[in-house]
Amino acid sequence: MKVVILAGGFGTRISEESHLKPKPMIEIGGKPIMWHIMKEYSHFGFNEFIICAGYKQHMIKEWFADYFLHNSDITFDFTQGRNDMIIHNQNIEPWKVTVVDTGLNTMTGGRVKRVKPYVEGETFMLTYGDGVSDVDIGKLVEFHKASGKVCTITSVVFEQLKGVLDITDTDDICSFREKDDLDGARINGGYMVLEPVIFDYLVDDASVFEKEPMQRLAADGQLKAFRHDGFWQCMDTKREMEKLEQLLQQGKAPWKTWED
């Protein structure tokens, strides 16, 4: 089963970093966050990826083209009057990666529609290139197959960032307490599984996957939620990037399931 990763947006909310590179290429622990996501899927045996690129898409292509340079010891030998490159201690993944330029201003649904030729006729997975999780992808796929629905979304609890107020109808505050991770509402955490009929719900480049297509799927009874109560974290802001980096440095990165 192929894994489609949305990696084409501008990443404006983390512009301190994204003005230099696409958000999925922003590094945590010395590796792009997209690499961490791909390692998650690979841990469960899913090794074929389709990257929906757009903004600064050449940087994604160049990173994979130079994968050996990024991840192996290299000797450059000029002694024979030519540039010979010897690769030592190869650290390579069992991946097949297709990077598709899905346009600069294309919306999420439009990006998925543009990769139709690469996944047509197959059930496939879809996720965002800026969020990591310890979701059991094997169980997610089993859940989707058993549901018989067009689309399964992993639902996660989004942490409440501020103090919690209990307010009466007369605007009196009857209690106040600090936030708790369980205070947040369930949201779309990505890590989706889709049937090929999903392309019937996508119109053109202006399609926002999370709006009209999702609404139609829900109205048709074709949308299922896979509840995940474990770790999930997006990287929309510099604060969130620093949080992920800190977890890595402390050796407390729950998404690194490949090291379990």
Protein backbone atom coordinates (compact mmCIF):
# COMPACT_ATOMS: atom_id res chain seq x y z
CA MET A 1 0.00 0.00 0.00
CA LYS A 2 1.37 3.41 -0.98
CA VAL A 3 1.69 6.35 1.39
CA VAL A 4 0.89 9.84 0.10
CA ILE A 5 2.42 12.71 2.08
CA LEU A 6 1.19 16.29 1.76
CA ALA A 7 4.33 18.44 1.62
CA GLY A 8 3.54 21.38 -0.65
CA GLY A 9 2.27 24.18 1.58
CA PHE A 10 4.02 27.42 2.49
CA GLY A 11 4.19 26.73 6.25
CA THR A 12 3.44 30.37 7.07
CA ARG A 13 2.87 29.74 10.79
CA ILE A 14 6.47 28.62 11.19
CA SER A 15 7.90 31.20 8.81
CA GLU A 16 11.06 31.56 10.93
CA GLU A 17 12.12 28.24 9.38
CA SER A 18 9.91 27.76 6.33
CA HIS A 19 11.19 30.84 4.51
CA LEU A 20 14.33 28.76 3.95
CA LYS A 21 12.84 25.35 3.16
CA PRO A 22 9.51 23.49 2.92
CA LYS A 23 8.08 22.76 6.36
CA PRO A 24 8.37 18.96 5.95
CA MET A 25 12.12 19.48 5.44
CA ILE A 26 12.57 21.35 8.73
CA GLU A 27 14.86 19.22 10.86
CA ILE A 28 14.33 17.75 14.29
CA GLY A 29 17.19 15.68 15.60
CA GLY A 30 19.19 16.44 12.47
CA LYS A 31 16.66 14.84 10.11
CA PRO A 32 13.66 16.38 8.26
CA ILE A 33 10.39 15.77 10.07
CA MET A 34 9.16 14.04 6.90
CA TRP A 35 11.96 11.48 7.34
CA HIS A 36 10.62 10.70 10.81
CA ILE A 37 7.11 10.20 9.39
CA MET A 38 8.42 7.90 6.67
CA LYS A 39 10.33 5.87 9.26
CA GLU A 40 7.07 5.39 11.16
CA TYR A 41 5.35 3.91 8.11
CA SER A 42 8.40 1.87 7.17
CA HIS A 43 8.38 0.30 10.64
CA PHE A 44 4.99 -1.21 9.74
CA GLY A 45 6.18 -2.42 6.34
CA PHE A 46 4.95 0.45 4.15
CA ASN A 47 7.90 1.60 2.04
CA GLU A 48 6.45 3.20 -1.09
CA PHE A 49 5.89 6.93 -0.81
CA ILE A 50 4.39 9.64 -3.01
CA ILE A 51 5.33 13.16 -1.92
CA CYS A 52 2.90 15.94 -2.90
CA ALA A 53 5.42 18.75 -3.26
CA GLY A 54 4.92 22.41 -4.17
CA TYR A 55 6.67 25.23 -2.33
CA LYS A 56 10.45 24.88 -2.82
CA GLN A 57 9.82 21.38 -4.18
CA HIS A 58 13.32 21.20 -5.65
CA MET A 59 14.74 20.99 -2.11
CA ILE A 60 12.79 17.80 -1.43
CA LYS A 61 13.97 16.25 -4.71
CA GLU A 62 17.57 17.25 -4.07
CA TRP A 63 17.53 15.82 -0.54
CA PHE A 64 16.44 12.40 -1.76
CA ALA A 65 18.80 12.58 -4.75
CA ASP A 66 21.68 13.14 -2.30
CA TYR A 67 20.44 10.63 0.29
CA PHE A 68 23.80 8.82 0.36
CA LEU A 69 25.59 12.11 0.96
CA HIS A 70 23.29 12.93 3.85
CA ASN A 71 23.40 9.54 5.54
CA SER A 72 26.69 7.77 4.75
CA ASP A 73 30.44 8.27 5.08
CA ILE A 74 31.84 9.39 1.72
CA THR A 75 35.34 9.49 0.22
CA PHE A 76 35.87 11.92 -2.67
CA ASP A 77 38.90 10.72 -4.63
CA PHE A 78 40.47 13.20 -7.05
CA THR A 79 43.87 11.46 -7.31
CA GLN A 80 43.22 9.94 -10.73
CA GLY A 81 42.20 13.24 -12.26
CA ARG A 82 38.50 12.59 -11.87
CA ASN A 83 35.87 12.87 -9.18
CA ASP A 84 35.37 9.35 -7.82
CA MET A 85 32.94 8.97 -4.95
CA ILE A 86 33.24 5.98 -2.63
CA ILE A 87 30.32 5.32 -0.27
CA HIS A 88 31.13 3.69 3.08
CA ASN A 89 28.76 2.29 5.71
CA GLN A 90 25.66 2.80 3.63
CA ASN A 91 22.68 3.90 5.67
CA ILE A 92 19.85 3.50 3.20
CA GLU A 93 16.16 2.80 3.64
CA PRO A 94 14.11 0.25 1.65
CA TRP A 95 12.07 3.07 0.16
CA LYS A 96 10.67 3.91 -3.24
CA VAL A 97 9.95 7.65 -3.28
CA THR A 98 8.06 9.55 -5.98
CA VAL A 99 8.17 13.34 -5.62
CA VAL A 100 5.39 15.07 -7.58
CA ASP A 101 5.27 18.81 -8.17
CA THR A 102 1.59 19.40 -7.35
CA GLY A 103 1.75 23.16 -7.85
CA LEU A 104 2.60 26.19 -5.79
CA ASN A 105 -0.89 27.35 -4.75
CA THR A 106 -2.81 24.08 -5.00
CA MET A 107 -5.02 23.21 -2.04
CA THR A 108 -4.76 19.90 -0.15
CA GLY A 109 -7.53 18.12 -2.06
CA GLY A 110 -6.12 19.37 -5.33
CA ARG A 111 -2.69 17.98 -4.43
CA VAL A 112 -4.19 14.56 -3.75
CA LYS A 113 -6.09 14.70 -7.04
CA ARG A 114 -2.87 15.46 -8.92
CA VAL A 115 -1.24 12.22 -7.76
CA LYS A 116 -4.18 10.10 -8.95
CA PRO A 117 -2.13 8.48 -11.77
CA TYR A 118 0.29 7.12 -9.16
CA VAL A 119 -2.33 5.51 -6.89
CA GLU A 120 -5.39 4.96 -9.11
CA GLY A 121 -7.18 1.70 -8.44
CA GLU A 122 -5.50 1.08 -5.09
CA THR A 123 -6.31 1.68 -1.46
CA PHE A 124 -3.72 4.16 -0.20
CA MET A 125 -2.70 6.08 2.89
CA LEU A 126 -2.50 9.84 3.29
CA THR A 127 -0.95 12.02 5.95
CA TYR A 128 0.49 15.47 6.53
CA GLY A 129 4.21 16.12 6.29
CA ASP A 130 4.40 17.99 9.58
CA GLY A 131 3.00 15.69 12.28
CA VAL A 132 4.40 12.66 14.09
CA SER A 133 2.64 10.01 16.14
CA ASP A 134 2.99 6.59 17.71
CA VAL A 135 -0.24 5.37 16.08
CA ASP A 136 -0.30 1.65 15.29
CA ILE A 137 -0.54 1.90 11.50
CA GLY A 138 -1.09 -1.83 11.14
CA LYS A 139 -4.19 -1.67 13.33
CA LEU A 140 -5.31 1.49 11.50
CA VAL A 141 -5.27 -0.35 8.17
CA GLU A 142 -7.12 -3.35 9.65
CA PHE A 143 -9.75 -1.01 11.11
CA HIS A 144 -10.24 0.69 7.75
CA LYS A 145 -10.61 -2.57 5.85
CA ALA A 146 -13.17 -3.84 8.36
CA SER A 147 -15.20 -0.61 8.16
CA GLY A 148 -15.84 -0.78 4.42
CA LYS A 149 -15.81 3.03 4.27
CA VAL A 150 -14.16 5.29 1.70
CA CYS A 151 -12.07 7.21 4.21
CA THR A 152 -10.69 6.55 7.69
CA ILE A 153 -9.12 9.41 9.65
CA THR A 154 -7.03 9.01 12.75
CA SER A 155 -8.65 11.15 15.42
CA VAL A 156 -6.42 12.54 18.14
CA VAL A 157 -6.91 14.75 21.17
CA PHE A 158 -5.60 18.26 20.60
CA GLU A 159 -4.06 19.56 23.79
CA GLN A 160 -5.62 22.64 25.38
CA LEU A 161 -3.03 25.41 25.55
CA LYS A 162 -4.60 27.77 28.09
CA GLY A 163 -6.23 27.65 31.49
CA VAL A 164 -9.78 26.25 31.57
CA LEU A 165 -12.76 28.35 32.67
CA ASP A 166 -16.17 26.98 33.64
CA ILE A 167 -18.62 29.80 32.87
CA THR A 168 -22.31 29.92 33.79
CA ASP A 169 -25.13 31.28 31.62
CA THR A 170 -24.85 34.58 33.52
CA ASP A 171 -21.13 34.84 32.70
CA ASP A 172 -19.99 33.99 36.22
CA ILE A 173 -16.78 31.97 36.39
CA CYS A 174 -17.55 29.08 38.72
CA SER A 175 -14.16 27.43 38.48
CA PHE A 176 -10.70 27.90 37.01
CA ARG A 177 -7.93 25.37 36.63
CA GLU A 178 -4.81 24.86 34.59
CA LYS A 179 -5.04 23.02 31.31
CA ASP A 180 -4.95 19.25 31.08
CA ASP A 181 -4.06 17.21 28.00
CA LEU A 182 -7.50 15.61 28.12
CA ASP A 183 -9.27 18.96 27.84
CA GLY A 184 -8.82 19.19 24.09
CA ALA A 185 -11.32 18.19 21.43
CA ARG A 186 -10.71 15.35 18.97
CA ILE A 187 -9.33 16.56 15.66
CA ASN A 188 -8.09 15.17 12.36
CA GLY A 189 -4.55 13.95 13.06
CA GLY A 190 -3.86 12.76 9.52
CA TYR A 191 -2.75 9.12 9.19
CA MET A 192 -5.67 8.43 6.85
CA VAL A 193 -6.58 5.42 4.73
CA LEU A 194 -8.50 6.01 1.51
CA GLU A 195 -10.23 4.03 -1.19
CA PRO A 196 -9.66 5.13 -4.81
CA VAL A 197 -13.26 6.36 -5.08
CA ILE A 198 -12.03 9.34 -3.03
CA PHE A 199 -11.01 10.97 -6.32
CA ASP A 200 -14.71 11.34 -7.17
CA TYR A 201 -14.93 13.77 -4.26
CA LEU A 202 -12.04 15.96 -5.47
CA VAL A 203 -12.85 18.54 -8.13
CA ASP A 204 -9.80 20.63 -8.99
CA ASP A 205 -6.77 22.45 -7.56
CA ALA A 206 -9.05 24.60 -5.40
CA SER A 207 -10.40 21.57 -3.50
CA VAL A 208 -9.59 21.78 0.21
CA PHE A 209 -9.58 18.17 1.36
CA GLU A 210 -10.67 19.06 4.88
CA LYS A 211 -13.73 21.04 3.75
CA GLU A 212 -16.25 20.11 1.04
CA PRO A 213 -14.85 16.62 0.26
CA MET A 214 -14.87 15.68 3.96
CA GLN A 215 -18.35 17.13 4.39
CA ARG A 216 -19.65 15.10 1.46
CA LEU A 217 -17.99 11.93 2.77
CA ALA A 218 -19.63 12.46 6.16
CA ALA A 219 -23.03 13.14 4.57
CA ASP A 220 -22.68 9.95 2.52
CA GLY A 221 -21.81 7.93 5.62
CA GLN A 222 -18.35 7.16 4.20
CA LEU A 223 -16.14 8.69 6.90
CA LYS A 224 -14.77 6.68 9.82
CA ALA A 225 -12.67 7.73 12.83
CA PHE A 226 -9.82 5.60 14.16
CA ARG A 227 -9.37 6.74 17.75
CA HIS A 228 -5.77 7.21 18.82
CA ASP A 229 -5.18 8.11 22.45
CA GLY A 230 -1.39 7.91 22.34
CA PHE A 231 1.16 10.48 21.25
CA TRP A 232 0.52 12.90 18.41
CA GLN A 233 2.15 16.25 17.72
CA CYS A 234 2.02 18.57 14.75
CA MET A 235 4.74 21.14 14.02
CA ASP A 236 2.84 24.27 13.07
CA THR A 237 4.93 26.69 15.14
CA LYS A 238 8.47 27.19 16.33
CA ARG A 239 7.31 26.34 19.85
CA GLU A 240 6.07 22.96 18.65
CA MET A 241 9.30 22.37 16.74
CA GLU A 242 11.27 23.08 19.92
CA LYS A 243 9.00 20.71 21.87
CA LEU A 244 9.75 17.86 19.43
CA GLU A 245 13.46 18.64 19.51
CA GLN A 246 13.44 18.59 23.31
CA LEU A 247 11.71 15.20 23.38
CA LEU A 248 14.39 13.84 21.03
CA GLN A 249 17.24 15.26 23.08
CA GLN A 250 15.75 13.76 26.25
CA GLY A 251 15.37 10.36 24.63
CA LYS A 252 11.59 10.60 25.06
CA ALA A 253 10.37 10.63 21.44
CA PRO A 254 7.30 8.32 21.42
CA TRP A 255 6.97 8.42 17.63
CA LYS A 256 10.30 6.61 17.15
CA THR A 257 8.50 3.28 17.08
CA TRP A 258 11.22 1.84 14.83
CA GLU A 259 13.54 1.82 17.84
CA ASP A 260 11.18 -0.12 20.11
